[in-house]
Amino acid sequence: MNAASASPETLGPDLLDRLPAAVQTPGYDRKTLAPGMAHLGVGAFHRSHQAEYTDDLLARQFDRWGVVGINIRPPTLADTLGRQGGLYTRLIRENSHIEARIVGSIVRVVDSQDSAAPALGVLSSSDIELVTMTVTEKGYCHIPSSGALDLGHPDIVHDLANPHTPRSLPGILARALELRRATHGRSMTLLSCDNIPTNGTILETVVRSFAERRGGNGLADWIAANAAFPSAMVDRIAPAVTQNDLDSVEQWFGYRDGAVAVCEPFRQWVIEQKFAGRMPRWDLVGATFVDDVTPFEHLKMRVLNGAQTTLATLGVLAGLEHTFDAIADPLLSAFIRHMLVEETLPTLMPVPGVLPLAYVEQSLGRLKNTAIRHRNHQIATDGSQKIVQRLLNPIRERLSQGASIGLLSVPVAGWMAYLIQASARFGKRWPVSDPYAGKVAEIADATGRDAPALVSAILAIDTIFDPGLAANETFHAAVISALNELLSDDPMVAVRHSLEQDEIARLKRSKQSAL
């Protein structure tokens, strides 16, 4: 391979032996790797996380654990991973440090956007013992406030009427399990790797609820006896890949790669020990198998993800583009640390081997990585699906104990302000992607800049806000106060005021404890 060539070669199996020494290649013979698992939702996160763990495992303990990657939503895979034989470059980036590696665990890709048939063909195969998935929160077609299957979701309505040609994740998985029962009867583990608390429980709920709604053929009972839905906590920051990332591989290493994945050095995977059959021994390469994922979930979602959601919406309101820009802002940095230490950490259960304050500092340090160009608008995507576990649940727990919520209320109002200002009445300041963007825009267009009315109407969306929480006067008042300031000409006044009020409250507490 000539790195100076006018037309660099595209990454593929034939190129593996001719790559620069700086690029690590798979430590096993890919030609002998057979598929044993499937993955739904082959995006940047899967390529930076589960596929890399599997690549590590294959190098350490080779077994039939090749991955068949399936997308049931855009983008298509044929022209990127498919063209490259499943190979891609994983770039670890930390400030000025770069580490390149070719990951080889994906043996085949399947595009199933136009029809479920290709996906069903893979998922129902007796060769596939496990399916993992990263389809984002909204892919589960559940109601965020309760975790129940959303029977009004258009795809669920379609799939219940047309169960053999499903569109939704619950419909596709239920049909695949039905085909498995009819053809070979082999059990399967379905492992959610999405950033949702109790993700295995939610996946099981939506799949079995869908099967029960279809009724009549005992499918739900067969699923209960033959499928396992372990919960998992996954962690690695992997921003959307840019054209600059693709170009940089060509510039640095001399080959083209249309499926580059970029991520930070840190990674974590905690998996509930609840399997229907064989499982890859990911615990040999850094994953952790546990009986209860919940403490790890709460820690990560409320601290790291809570910080990300807070910095994303407040960062946009402050005119900042990336997470590292937001955390570098002295006011936002002080706010996020105070919020996490004062109000979030007291809601956490003990996590084996983890010191909470150290975890906060580690998380904030990760967000400062200037090489991870995570756009605030990207992190703010689908915020309505995220704020329940990241902000509302800790707020509810604080209120039940009579504790302060003045800091945690600000990012809730920040999410509201972010969507409100995308409405026509507020000038469509930026495009947003959120299942409730239309609903909030309707409220904003009808209400205008009346913070109490805006908050009352948005809190009435009971699929996001538990009615008991929405009716809480302390919460209601705190969100109104923050939203009123966030919609002003100086939105950061809300952040300054909340910090000042928190300082006053802490001084009062210290005086009382001294008496």
Protein backbone atom coordinates (compact mmCIF):
# COMPACT_ATOMS: atom_id res chain seq x y z
CA MET A 1 0.00 0.00 0.00
CA ASN A 2 1.32 3.44 -0.93
CA ALA A 3 0.16 6.04 1.65
CA ALA A 4 0.95 8.82 -0.80
CA SER A 5 -1.19 7.24 -3.53
CA ALA A 6 -3.61 9.57 -5.31
CA SER A 7 -6.41 7.11 -4.67
CA PRO A 8 -5.97 5.34 -1.34
CA GLU A 9 -7.38 1.84 -0.98
CA THR A 10 -10.54 1.24 0.99
CA LEU A 11 -10.29 -0.85 4.15
CA GLY A 12 -11.17 -4.49 3.65
CA PRO A 13 -9.93 -8.02 4.44
CA ASP A 14 -7.29 -7.88 1.68
CA LEU A 15 -5.74 -4.77 3.20
CA LEU A 16 -5.26 -6.11 6.75
CA ASP A 17 -1.73 -7.44 6.17
CA ARG A 18 -0.56 -4.20 4.55
CA LEU A 19 -1.67 -1.62 7.13
CA PRO A 20 0.84 0.64 8.90
CA ALA A 21 2.37 -0.78 12.08
CA ALA A 22 0.65 1.99 14.07
CA VAL A 23 -2.75 0.42 13.32
CA GLN A 24 -3.60 -2.58 15.50
CA THR A 25 -5.31 -5.48 13.67
CA PRO A 26 -7.47 -8.40 14.93
CA GLY A 27 -5.54 -10.95 16.99
CA TYR A 28 -7.31 -14.00 15.51
CA ASP A 29 -8.07 -15.57 12.13
CA ARG A 30 -11.21 -13.84 10.86
CA LYS A 31 -11.55 -16.37 8.03
CA THR A 32 -12.55 -19.03 10.56
CA LEU A 33 -14.95 -16.80 12.52
CA ALA A 34 -18.58 -17.96 12.33
CA PRO A 35 -21.62 -15.93 13.43
CA GLY A 36 -23.14 -16.68 16.82
CA MET A 37 -24.81 -13.41 17.76
CA ALA A 38 -26.64 -10.54 16.12
CA HIS A 39 -26.67 -6.84 16.93
CA LEU A 40 -29.54 -4.47 16.16
CA GLY A 41 -28.55 -0.83 15.61
CA VAL A 42 -24.99 -0.76 14.29
CA GLY A 43 -24.01 2.81 15.08
CA ALA A 44 -20.96 4.54 16.48
CA PHE A 45 -21.64 3.32 20.02
CA HIS A 46 -21.87 -0.36 19.13
CA ARG A 47 -18.68 -0.12 17.08
CA SER A 48 -16.92 1.57 20.01
CA HIS A 49 -18.26 -0.73 22.70
CA GLN A 50 -19.84 -4.21 22.31
CA ALA A 51 -18.05 -4.98 19.02
CA GLU A 52 -14.71 -3.99 20.55
CA TYR A 53 -15.28 -6.09 23.69
CA THR A 54 -16.13 -9.02 21.40
CA ASP A 55 -12.99 -8.40 19.34
CA ASP A 56 -10.96 -8.50 22.56
CA LEU A 57 -12.62 -11.74 23.62
CA LEU A 58 -12.04 -13.44 20.26
CA ALA A 59 -8.34 -12.63 20.54
CA ARG A 60 -8.21 -14.10 24.03
CA GLN A 61 -10.61 -17.05 23.77
CA PHE A 62 -11.68 -17.76 20.18
CA ASP A 63 -15.19 -19.15 19.82
CA ARG A 64 -18.15 -18.90 17.48
CA TRP A 65 -19.11 -15.35 18.43
CA GLY A 66 -18.98 -13.47 15.15
CA VAL A 67 -21.53 -10.65 15.00
CA VAL A 68 -24.16 -10.16 12.31
CA GLY A 69 -24.91 -6.44 12.32
CA ILE A 70 -28.49 -5.45 11.48
CA ASN A 71 -30.01 -2.02 10.95
CA ILE A 72 -33.80 -1.72 10.88
CA ARG A 73 -33.58 2.09 10.70
CA PRO A 74 -31.30 4.36 8.65
CA PRO A 75 -28.46 4.50 7.88
CA THR A 76 -27.88 1.59 5.54
CA LEU A 77 -24.79 -0.52 6.12
CA ALA A 78 -24.09 -2.04 2.72
CA ASP A 79 -21.95 0.81 1.38
CA THR A 80 -19.89 1.26 4.55
CA LEU A 81 -19.36 -1.80 6.74
CA GLY A 82 -20.73 -4.12 4.07
CA ARG A 83 -18.30 -2.86 1.46
CA GLN A 84 -15.45 -3.30 3.95
CA GLY A 85 -16.28 -6.88 4.95
CA GLY A 86 -17.41 -5.74 8.40
CA LEU A 87 -14.04 -4.15 9.20
CA TYR A 88 -13.67 -0.61 10.55
CA THR A 89 -11.22 1.62 12.40
CA ARG A 90 -11.85 2.40 16.04
CA LEU A 91 -10.06 5.61 17.01
CA ILE A 92 -9.47 6.34 20.68
CA ARG A 93 -8.94 10.06 21.12
CA GLU A 94 -7.96 11.91 24.25
CA ASN A 95 -6.91 15.51 23.70
CA SER A 96 -3.82 15.10 21.44
CA HIS A 97 -3.49 11.31 21.88
CA ILE A 98 -4.71 9.03 19.06
CA GLU A 99 -4.88 5.22 19.00
CA ALA A 100 -6.08 3.33 15.90
CA ARG A 101 -7.33 -0.23 15.80
CA ILE A 102 -9.16 -2.39 13.26
CA VAL A 103 -12.07 -4.27 14.83
CA GLY A 104 -12.99 -7.54 13.11
CA SER A 105 -15.83 -9.04 15.16
CA ILE A 106 -18.60 -8.04 12.72
CA VAL A 107 -18.67 -10.79 10.07
CA ARG A 108 -21.70 -9.66 8.06
CA VAL A 109 -24.18 -6.77 7.88
CA VAL A 110 -27.86 -6.80 6.97
CA ASP A 111 -30.01 -3.86 5.89
CA SER A 112 -33.62 -4.39 6.95
CA GLN A 113 -35.03 -0.86 6.70
CA ASP A 114 -37.52 -1.59 3.92
CA SER A 115 -38.71 -4.95 5.19
CA ALA A 116 -38.31 -6.93 8.39
CA ALA A 117 -37.66 -10.12 6.43
CA PRO A 118 -33.82 -9.89 6.29
CA ALA A 119 -33.63 -9.17 10.04
CA LEU A 120 -36.06 -11.97 10.84
CA GLY A 121 -34.01 -14.39 8.75
CA VAL A 122 -30.97 -13.72 10.94
CA LEU A 123 -32.72 -13.51 14.31
CA SER A 124 -34.67 -16.74 13.82
CA SER A 125 -31.59 -18.72 12.77
CA SER A 126 -30.52 -21.55 15.07
CA ASP A 127 -26.92 -20.27 14.75
CA ILE A 128 -27.80 -17.08 16.64
CA GLU A 129 -27.76 -17.61 20.42
CA LEU A 130 -27.78 -13.98 21.48
CA VAL A 131 -28.99 -10.63 20.20
CA THR A 132 -27.66 -7.36 21.55
CA MET A 133 -29.14 -3.97 20.66
CA THR A 134 -28.51 -0.24 20.69
CA VAL A 135 -31.65 1.28 19.16
CA THR A 136 -31.91 4.41 21.40
CA GLU A 137 -34.57 4.98 24.03
CA LYS A 138 -37.40 5.65 21.61
CA GLY A 139 -36.78 2.36 19.77
CA TYR A 140 -38.48 0.43 22.59
CA CYS A 141 -41.87 2.05 21.89
CA HIS A 142 -42.42 2.37 25.63
CA ILE A 143 -43.92 5.07 27.83
CA PRO A 144 -40.94 6.70 29.59
CA SER A 145 -42.81 7.48 32.82
CA SER A 146 -43.98 3.86 33.34
CA GLY A 147 -41.93 1.58 31.09
CA ALA A 148 -45.12 0.05 29.62
CA LEU A 149 -45.58 -0.71 25.92
CA ASP A 150 -47.05 2.33 24.15
CA LEU A 151 -50.10 0.80 22.48
CA GLY A 152 -50.77 4.09 20.71
CA HIS A 153 -47.38 4.15 19.00
CA PRO A 154 -47.98 4.07 15.22
CA ASP A 155 -45.53 1.21 14.68
CA ILE A 156 -47.10 -0.88 17.44
CA VAL A 157 -50.59 -0.26 16.01
CA HIS A 158 -49.27 -1.39 12.61
CA ASP A 159 -47.48 -4.45 13.98
CA LEU A 160 -50.44 -5.72 16.00
CA ALA A 161 -52.50 -5.54 12.82
CA ASN A 162 -49.70 -7.03 10.67
CA PRO A 163 -47.62 -9.27 12.98
CA HIS A 164 -45.84 -11.08 10.13
CA THR A 165 -44.50 -7.82 8.64
CA PRO A 166 -43.44 -5.86 11.73
CA ARG A 167 -41.72 -2.46 11.80
CA SER A 168 -40.99 -1.94 15.51
CA LEU A 169 -38.33 -3.50 17.70
CA PRO A 170 -40.93 -5.25 19.94
CA GLY A 171 -42.79 -6.53 16.87
CA ILE A 172 -39.64 -7.77 15.14
CA LEU A 173 -38.32 -9.54 18.25
CA ALA A 174 -41.69 -11.15 19.02
CA ARG A 175 -41.96 -12.42 15.44
CA ALA A 176 -38.36 -13.72 15.49
CA LEU A 177 -39.04 -15.63 18.70
CA GLU A 178 -42.23 -17.01 17.17
CA LEU A 179 -40.25 -18.26 14.16
CA ARG A 180 -37.63 -19.80 16.46
CA ARG A 181 -40.36 -21.66 18.34
CA ALA A 182 -41.82 -22.96 15.08
CA THR A 183 -38.55 -24.03 13.43
CA HIS A 184 -36.06 -25.25 16.02
CA GLY A 185 -37.16 -24.17 19.51
CA ARG A 186 -33.75 -22.91 20.63
CA SER A 187 -33.71 -20.37 23.44
CA MET A 188 -32.15 -16.93 23.09
CA THR A 189 -30.77 -14.14 25.28
CA LEU A 190 -31.87 -10.62 24.32
CA LEU A 191 -29.45 -8.09 25.78
CA SER A 192 -30.32 -4.40 25.69
CA CYS A 193 -27.28 -2.11 25.61
CA ASP A 194 -29.27 1.11 25.52
CA ASN A 195 -28.96 3.82 28.10
CA ILE A 196 -32.24 3.12 29.88
CA PRO A 197 -32.60 2.08 33.53
CA THR A 198 -33.70 -1.55 33.95
CA ASN A 199 -33.34 -1.84 30.17
CA GLY A 200 -33.71 -5.62 30.26
CA THR A 201 -36.95 -5.36 32.22
CA ILE A 202 -38.31 -2.75 29.77
CA LEU A 203 -37.29 -4.89 26.79
CA GLU A 204 -38.98 -7.95 28.29
CA THR A 205 -42.07 -5.91 29.12
CA VAL A 206 -42.54 -4.53 25.60
CA VAL A 207 -41.80 -7.84 23.84
CA ARG A 208 -44.02 -9.96 26.09
CA SER A 209 -46.77 -7.32 26.17
CA PHE A 210 -46.73 -7.27 22.38
CA ALA A 211 -46.91 -11.08 22.27
CA GLU A 212 -49.79 -11.10 24.76
CA ARG A 213 -51.69 -8.49 22.72
CA ARG A 214 -51.38 -10.72 19.68
CA GLY A 215 -52.99 -13.42 21.83
CA GLY A 216 -54.16 -16.93 21.26
CA ASN A 217 -51.08 -18.98 20.39
CA GLY A 218 -49.18 -19.13 23.69
CA LEU A 219 -46.25 -17.12 22.36
CA ALA A 220 -45.94 -14.97 25.48
CA ASP A 221 -45.67 -18.10 27.66
CA TRP A 222 -43.05 -19.62 25.34
CA ILE A 223 -41.02 -16.40 25.49
CA ALA A 224 -41.23 -16.41 29.29
CA ALA A 225 -39.81 -19.96 29.34
CA ASN A 226 -37.22 -19.69 26.57
CA ALA A 227 -35.90 -16.13 26.38
CA ALA A 228 -33.82 -14.15 28.87
CA PHE A 229 -33.68 -10.36 29.08
CA PRO A 230 -30.72 -9.34 31.25
CA SER A 231 -30.24 -5.68 32.10
CA ALA A 232 -26.92 -4.02 31.36
CA MET A 233 -25.12 -0.76 32.02
CA VAL A 234 -22.90 0.45 29.19
CA ASP A 235 -20.54 3.39 29.24
CA ARG A 236 -18.28 4.98 26.68
CA ILE A 237 -18.52 8.41 25.11
CA ALA A 238 -18.73 7.97 21.32
CA PRO A 239 -19.82 11.10 19.45
CA ALA A 240 -21.35 11.13 15.99
CA VAL A 241 -18.63 10.60 13.39
CA THR A 242 -17.85 13.60 11.18
CA GLN A 243 -16.37 13.88 7.70
CA ASN A 244 -13.24 15.20 9.38
CA ASP A 245 -12.94 11.92 11.31
CA LEU A 246 -13.20 9.94 8.07
CA ASP A 247 -10.68 12.20 6.34
CA SER A 248 -8.25 12.02 9.24
CA VAL A 249 -7.84 8.23 8.93
CA GLU A 250 -6.90 8.68 5.30
CA GLN A 251 -4.45 11.47 6.16
CA TRP A 252 -2.81 9.70 9.10
CA PHE A 253 -2.78 6.07 7.94
CA GLY A 254 -3.18 6.15 4.15
CA TYR A 255 -6.42 4.20 3.61
CA ARG A 256 -10.10 5.00 3.33
CA ASP A 257 -12.67 3.88 5.88
CA GLY A 258 -16.35 4.77 5.62
CA ALA A 259 -17.23 3.26 9.00
CA VAL A 260 -14.79 4.90 11.42
CA ALA A 261 -15.82 5.01 15.10
CA VAL A 262 -14.35 7.58 17.49
CA CYS A 263 -14.42 7.27 21.28
CA GLU A 264 -12.71 8.10 24.55
CA PRO A 265 -10.35 5.66 26.35
CA PHE A 266 -12.78 4.87 29.20
CA ARG A 267 -15.21 1.99 28.76
CA GLN A 268 -17.43 -0.04 31.09
CA TRP A 269 -19.97 -2.84 30.70
CA VAL A 270 -21.92 -4.32 33.60
CA ILE A 271 -24.24 -7.23 32.71
CA GLU A 272 -26.88 -8.98 34.79
CA GLN A 273 -26.25 -12.72 35.09
CA LYS A 274 -29.53 -13.88 33.56
CA PHE A 275 -28.90 -15.87 30.39
CA ALA A 276 -30.97 -18.34 28.38
CA GLY A 277 -27.94 -20.26 27.12
CA ARG A 278 -24.30 -19.72 26.27
CA MET A 279 -22.94 -16.20 26.67
CA PRO A 280 -19.66 -14.72 25.44
CA ARG A 281 -17.14 -14.51 28.31
CA TRP A 282 -16.87 -10.73 28.08
CA ASP A 283 -15.91 -10.80 31.77
CA LEU A 284 -12.50 -12.07 30.67
CA VAL A 285 -11.85 -8.78 28.85
CA GLY A 286 -13.12 -6.18 31.29
CA ALA A 287 -16.91 -6.54 31.48
CA THR A 288 -18.52 -7.35 34.83
CA PHE A 289 -21.24 -9.95 35.41
CA VAL A 290 -23.38 -9.09 38.46
CA ASP A 291 -26.63 -10.14 40.11
CA ASP A 292 -28.02 -6.59 40.19
CA VAL A 293 -27.12 -3.84 37.72
CA THR A 294 -29.26 -1.18 39.45
CA PRO A 295 -26.58 0.53 41.59
CA PHE A 296 -24.28 0.84 38.57
CA GLU A 297 -27.14 2.15 36.41
CA HIS A 298 -28.13 4.82 38.92
CA LEU A 299 -24.55 5.96 39.36
CA LYS A 300 -23.85 6.31 35.65
CA MET A 301 -27.22 7.72 34.58
CA ARG A 302 -27.60 10.21 37.38
CA VAL A 303 -23.98 11.38 37.47
CA LEU A 304 -22.36 11.11 34.03
CA ASN A 305 -25.55 11.18 31.95
CA GLY A 306 -27.21 13.70 34.23
CA ALA A 307 -24.19 15.95 33.72
CA GLN A 308 -24.31 15.43 29.95
CA THR A 309 -28.02 16.28 29.66
CA THR A 310 -27.60 19.32 31.91
CA LEU A 311 -24.55 20.63 30.07
CA ALA A 312 -26.14 19.97 26.65
CA THR A 313 -29.30 22.05 27.04
CA LEU A 314 -27.76 24.74 29.24
CA GLY A 315 -24.77 24.79 26.90
CA VAL A 316 -26.99 25.42 23.87
CA LEU A 317 -28.82 28.17 25.78
CA ALA A 318 -25.43 29.71 26.60
CA GLY A 319 -24.37 29.59 22.93
CA LEU A 320 -21.78 26.81 23.37
CA GLU A 321 -21.35 24.09 20.74
CA HIS A 322 -19.69 21.11 22.46
CA THR A 323 -19.74 19.40 25.85
CA PHE A 324 -16.11 20.32 26.42
CA ASP A 325 -17.01 23.96 25.73
CA ALA A 326 -19.77 23.79 28.35
CA ILE A 327 -17.66 22.11 31.04
CA ALA A 328 -14.87 24.64 30.38
CA ASP A 329 -17.27 27.48 31.22
CA PRO A 330 -16.53 28.39 34.89
CA LEU A 331 -20.19 29.04 35.75
CA LEU A 332 -21.53 25.82 34.20
CA SER A 333 -18.61 23.82 35.61
CA ALA A 334 -19.31 25.11 39.14
CA PHE A 335 -23.02 24.47 38.72
CA ILE A 336 -22.68 20.89 37.51
CA ARG A 337 -20.28 19.94 40.30
CA HIS A 338 -22.53 21.46 42.98
CA MET A 339 -25.64 19.82 41.51
CA LEU A 340 -24.05 16.37 41.43
CA VAL A 341 -22.42 16.56 44.88
CA GLU A 342 -25.21 18.36 46.76
CA GLU A 343 -28.33 16.84 45.23
CA THR A 344 -27.56 13.82 43.05
CA LEU A 345 -25.06 11.81 45.13
CA PRO A 346 -27.36 11.56 48.18
CA THR A 347 -29.90 9.68 46.01
CA LEU A 348 -27.46 6.92 45.05
CA MET A 349 -27.22 3.47 46.58
CA PRO A 350 -23.72 2.15 47.38
CA VAL A 351 -21.84 0.77 44.39
CA PRO A 352 -19.26 -1.97 45.03
CA GLY A 353 -15.73 -0.63 44.61
CA VAL A 354 -16.77 2.93 43.73
CA LEU A 355 -16.17 6.12 45.74
CA PRO A 356 -18.97 8.54 44.71
CA LEU A 357 -16.96 11.77 44.91
CA ALA A 358 -14.12 10.22 42.92
CA TYR A 359 -16.64 9.05 40.32
CA VAL A 360 -17.96 12.61 39.97
CA GLU A 361 -14.45 13.95 39.37
CA GLN A 362 -13.65 11.16 36.92
CA SER A 363 -16.88 11.83 35.00
CA LEU A 364 -16.28 15.58 34.77
CA GLY A 365 -12.71 14.89 33.68
CA ARG A 366 -13.97 12.69 30.84
CA LEU A 367 -16.27 15.47 29.65
CA LYS A 368 -13.28 17.84 29.36
CA ASN A 369 -11.68 15.72 26.60
CA THR A 370 -11.27 18.23 23.76
CA ALA A 371 -10.79 15.48 21.13
CA ILE A 372 -14.32 14.13 21.72
CA ARG A 373 -16.33 16.67 19.77
CA HIS A 374 -19.73 15.78 21.18
CA ARG A 375 -22.16 18.47 20.02
CA ASN A 376 -24.60 19.70 22.64
CA HIS A 377 -27.47 19.42 20.16
CA GLN A 378 -26.61 15.75 19.61
CA ILE A 379 -26.63 15.00 23.35
CA ALA A 380 -29.91 16.92 23.71
CA THR A 381 -31.58 14.63 21.14
CA ASP A 382 -34.57 12.74 22.59
CA GLY A 383 -34.23 14.52 25.92
CA SER A 384 -37.82 13.64 26.83
CA GLN A 385 -36.79 9.97 26.86
CA LYS A 386 -33.82 10.68 29.15
CA ILE A 387 -34.85 13.18 31.81
CA VAL A 388 -37.00 10.72 33.78
CA GLN A 389 -34.07 8.56 34.89
CA ARG A 390 -31.40 11.28 34.87
CA LEU A 391 -33.27 14.12 36.62
CA LEU A 392 -36.87 13.40 37.56
CA ASN A 393 -36.27 10.21 39.55
CA PRO A 394 -33.60 11.80 41.78
CA ILE A 395 -35.86 14.87 42.19
CA ARG A 396 -38.75 12.64 43.28
CA GLU A 397 -36.53 10.89 45.82
CA ARG A 398 -35.22 14.21 47.16
CA LEU A 399 -38.74 15.57 47.57
CA SER A 400 -39.86 12.45 49.43
CA GLN A 401 -37.10 13.16 51.97
CA GLY A 402 -37.87 16.85 52.24
CA ALA A 403 -34.51 17.69 50.66
CA SER A 404 -33.69 20.58 48.31
CA ILE A 405 -34.13 20.31 44.52
CA GLY A 406 -33.15 23.86 43.54
CA LEU A 407 -30.21 22.71 41.42
CA LEU A 408 -31.75 19.62 39.78
CA SER A 409 -34.79 21.67 38.75
CA VAL A 410 -32.67 23.93 36.52
CA PRO A 411 -31.85 21.30 33.85
CA VAL A 412 -35.50 20.19 33.82
CA ALA A 413 -36.39 23.78 32.96
CA GLY A 414 -33.42 23.75 30.57
CA TRP A 415 -34.96 20.86 28.63
CA MET A 416 -38.23 22.78 28.45
CA ALA A 417 -36.51 26.00 27.32
CA TYR A 418 -34.54 24.09 24.67
CA LEU A 419 -37.73 22.73 23.06
CA ILE A 420 -39.78 25.91 23.62
CA GLN A 421 -37.26 28.03 21.73
CA ALA A 422 -37.44 25.65 18.77
CA SER A 423 -41.12 26.60 18.31
CA ALA A 424 -42.41 29.05 15.70
CA ARG A 425 -43.53 31.58 18.31
CA PHE A 426 -40.01 31.69 19.75
CA GLY A 427 -38.38 32.09 16.33
CA LYS A 428 -37.32 28.47 15.69
CA ARG A 429 -33.90 29.24 17.14
CA TRP A 430 -32.58 25.75 16.33
CA PRO A 431 -33.80 22.44 14.92
CA VAL A 432 -34.50 19.78 17.56
CA SER A 433 -35.04 16.02 17.50
CA ASP A 434 -37.34 14.81 20.27
CA PRO A 435 -40.55 12.74 20.20
CA TYR A 436 -42.29 15.49 22.21
CA ALA A 437 -40.90 18.45 20.25
CA GLY A 438 -44.20 18.91 18.41
CA LYS A 439 -46.25 18.77 21.60
CA VAL A 440 -44.04 21.32 23.38
CA ALA A 441 -44.05 23.55 20.27
CA GLU A 442 -47.88 23.52 20.28
CA ILE A 443 -47.87 24.55 23.94
CA ALA A 444 -45.30 27.29 23.30
CA ASP A 445 -47.13 28.62 20.24
CA ALA A 446 -50.41 28.78 22.18
CA THR A 447 -48.96 30.14 25.42
CA GLY A 448 -46.12 32.53 24.63
CA ARG A 449 -43.68 33.70 27.27
CA ASP A 450 -45.77 32.91 30.33
CA ALA A 451 -43.53 30.67 32.44
CA PRO A 452 -46.23 29.46 34.90
CA ALA A 453 -48.59 28.55 32.04
CA LEU A 454 -45.81 26.89 30.05
CA VAL A 455 -44.69 24.80 33.01
CA SER A 456 -48.25 23.75 33.95
CA ALA A 457 -48.98 22.62 30.39
CA ILE A 458 -45.69 20.75 29.91
CA LEU A 459 -45.89 19.05 33.32
CA ALA A 460 -49.33 17.79 32.28
CA ILE A 461 -47.64 15.48 29.74
CA ASP A 462 -48.07 12.43 31.97
CA THR A 463 -46.08 10.07 29.75
CA ILE A 464 -43.00 12.04 30.89
CA PHE A 465 -44.02 13.57 34.22
CA ASP A 466 -45.55 11.38 36.90
CA PRO A 467 -48.77 13.17 37.99
CA GLY A 468 -47.67 13.11 41.64
CA LEU A 469 -44.44 14.87 40.80
CA ALA A 470 -46.16 17.31 38.44
CA ALA A 471 -48.54 18.30 41.23
CA ASN A 472 -45.76 18.91 43.77
CA GLU A 473 -45.78 22.61 44.61
CA THR A 474 -42.07 22.80 45.46
CA PHE A 475 -41.10 21.23 42.14
CA HIS A 476 -43.62 23.33 40.22
CA ALA A 477 -42.35 26.58 41.73
CA ALA A 478 -38.67 25.71 41.22
CA VAL A 479 -39.16 24.87 37.54
CA ILE A 480 -41.23 28.03 36.92
CA SER A 481 -38.53 30.21 38.51
CA ALA A 482 -35.74 28.60 36.47
CA LEU A 483 -37.70 28.62 33.19
CA ASN A 484 -38.61 32.28 33.56
CA GLU A 485 -34.92 33.16 33.80
CA LEU A 486 -33.80 30.70 31.11
CA LEU A 487 -36.16 32.37 28.63
CA SER A 488 -34.75 35.81 29.43
CA ASP A 489 -32.06 37.71 27.51
CA ASP A 490 -29.49 36.33 29.98
CA PRO A 491 -30.41 32.66 30.45
CA MET A 492 -27.39 31.97 32.66
CA VAL A 493 -28.94 34.13 35.40
CA ALA A 494 -30.93 31.00 36.30
CA VAL A 495 -27.68 29.12 36.88
CA ARG A 496 -26.15 31.94 38.94
CA HIS A 497 -29.28 32.33 41.08
CA SER A 498 -29.56 28.61 41.79
CA LEU A 499 -25.92 28.51 42.95
CA GLU A 500 -26.44 31.58 45.16
CA GLN A 501 -29.58 30.07 46.70
CA ASP A 502 -27.80 26.75 47.26
CA GLU A 503 -24.95 28.58 49.04
CA ILE A 504 -27.42 30.41 51.31
CA ALA A 505 -29.21 27.14 52.12
CA ARG A 506 -25.91 25.43 52.97
CA LEU A 507 -24.88 28.29 55.25
CA LYS A 508 -28.21 28.01 57.06
CA ARG A 509 -27.75 24.26 57.48
CA SER A 510 -24.21 24.66 58.83
CA LYS A 511 -25.39 27.28 61.37
CA GLN A 512 -28.23 25.02 62.53
CA SER A 513 -25.91 22.04 62.91
CA ALA A 514 -23.53 24.19 64.98
CA LEU A 515 -26.26 25.08 67.49
